[in-house]
Amino acid sequence: MDELNTITIEGSGYVLVAFIGYLIILIGIGIYSARFSSEGISEFFIGGRKMNRLVVALSAVVSGRSAWLLLGVTGMAYAQGASALWAAVGYIVVEWFLFMYYAKRLRKFSERYDCITIPDFFAERFDDKNGSLRLTLVIIFLIFMVSYVSSQFVAGGKAFASSFGITQTSGVILSAVIILLYTVLGGFMAVSLTDTIQAFFMIIALVCLPAIAIWNLGGWGVMAEQLALHEIGFIDPFALGFGAFIGFVGIGLGSPGNPHILSRYMSIDDAKQLKYAAVVGTIWNVLMAGGAVLIGLVGRAYFPEVSMLPGSDTENLYPLLAQTQLHPFLFGVVIASIFAAIMSTADSQLLVAASSVVRDVYDKLIKKDEELSQKKLVLYSRLVVVVLVILSLLFGLIAENIVFWLVLFAWAGLGASIGPTSIMALYWKKTTKAGVIAGLLTGTFVTIIWYFVPVLKNNMYELIPGFFLGLFATWLVSTFTQTPEKIEEHFEEMVSD
């Protein structure tokens, strides 16, 4: 959950300078990318399939993390110890496989059939003439994405309020305005480039902070001794029950179902460069996750009782530790890293939601028999981004107290519905349109139902049963329905060198 409660931070010109410099970089990238993104809808939503391998690698991993990594995992490690590392192992392993194998097939197919969005891919793969599959995907996207973006705005508002002394409402609005500016100007290129910059902010903060804190404490041995006083096995990553282990590792099942990650694979300029992206992305994931866990461990040594944290909230550990251990300028970088995590997720989700409205509903369903101007489609896309920001902002302001419960299963809902169906579509020739719709609906509803039944939720993360039941539903219905006619042609395109 991307939540930051009140934490008293002394004002500092250094902090403000570092943060304003970060914001100037973001807006500058938006202005720089505006002309390219105005050329057409492909450029606006997937960078014209011309994105550099480094940009794809870093933007793919950071757009999937959000502030959950910086605030949630650090807090988890503070409370549970080194076993929190398993919460990252699942997505690190899964995303490596996605880069190495899944992404190549998706990239080749999407270029051959001019697929700009994930619904485009499904519609072409399963000959969706009446638009029922495309519309099902759009509805699922919008349900989860608006709530997800709202949560990022609320998180940004709380971070602004705690860091700079403004009201939370003003912080929410300011977060929305900043994200809106560079996203609506520069589209996918601006979002990907800013994500790349934000990846460096995050890695600097997550690596430097624990290293400095451990050094100031007296070294690893001193930290281990202090942690041993609190709980035996606290620094043992294997001190974890089987159920918790499965739940942690199962987090990775969400990655193949989150379209803001998948769109990165479609955008790379050369499918052969995905192996390079796999190496860089995995290294970044490992360093960020390791840093987050170390922050939790060393933070427990500095603040042994949770009552010592602002609001007695473990998710406040990260900024508190940074404030006490770092020079004010570096602390400004840490504050920027929190916003980087928030914005790298929100901007990507905004583009996915906008693309589903403009490309999948307006262009492919409402105006499917008309030739539309690319310039006009880009204009409409920008307008839709503005509308979505306003809707998400209003939702975030009105429902601040309940918006985070949606985030808890948004990752799971997308992963359980789109994850298994996209894997089947790419790897099993007998997958059918009816099977995919069944899998989408099953994954979505199982996730929601599981979340609301305490006896189920308390025993297993809802993504896991949702994913596997969605997979089963796709297989079962596909075995009794007609396979698409172009199946051999489609698979030849995906596996060709």
Foldseek 3Di string as FASTA:
>chain_A
DLAAAADAFDDDPLLVVLQVVLLVVLLVLLQVQQVQLLPFPLCQQQNVLADALLLLLQLLQLLPCFLCLQQVLLLVCLVQALLSLLLLQQQLVLVLCCLVAVLLLVQLLCVVQVPRFPLSSLCVLFVVPQQPLLVLVLVLLVVLLLLLLLLLLQSQLNLCCNHPVDHSLVRSVVLLVSLLNSCLRRHPSSLSVSSSVLLVLLLCLLQVLLVQLQVVCPHPVSLVVLVCVQDPCNNPSPPDDPLVSCQSSLLNLLSLLDRLSSSSSNNHNDSVSSNVSSVSNSVSSVSSNVSSSSLSSSLCSVPVQLVVAVVSRSSRSSLVSCSVRHDSNSSSSSSSSNSSSSSSNSSSSLSNSLCSCLVSPVDCPVVVPDDDDRSVSSVSSSVSSVVSSVSSSVCSVVPVPPSVVSVLCSSLLSSLQRSLLSVCSSPPQLFHSVLSSQLNVQLNVQLVVQSPPVVNVVRHRSSVVSNVVSNVSRVVVSVVDDGDPCSVVSNCSSPPD
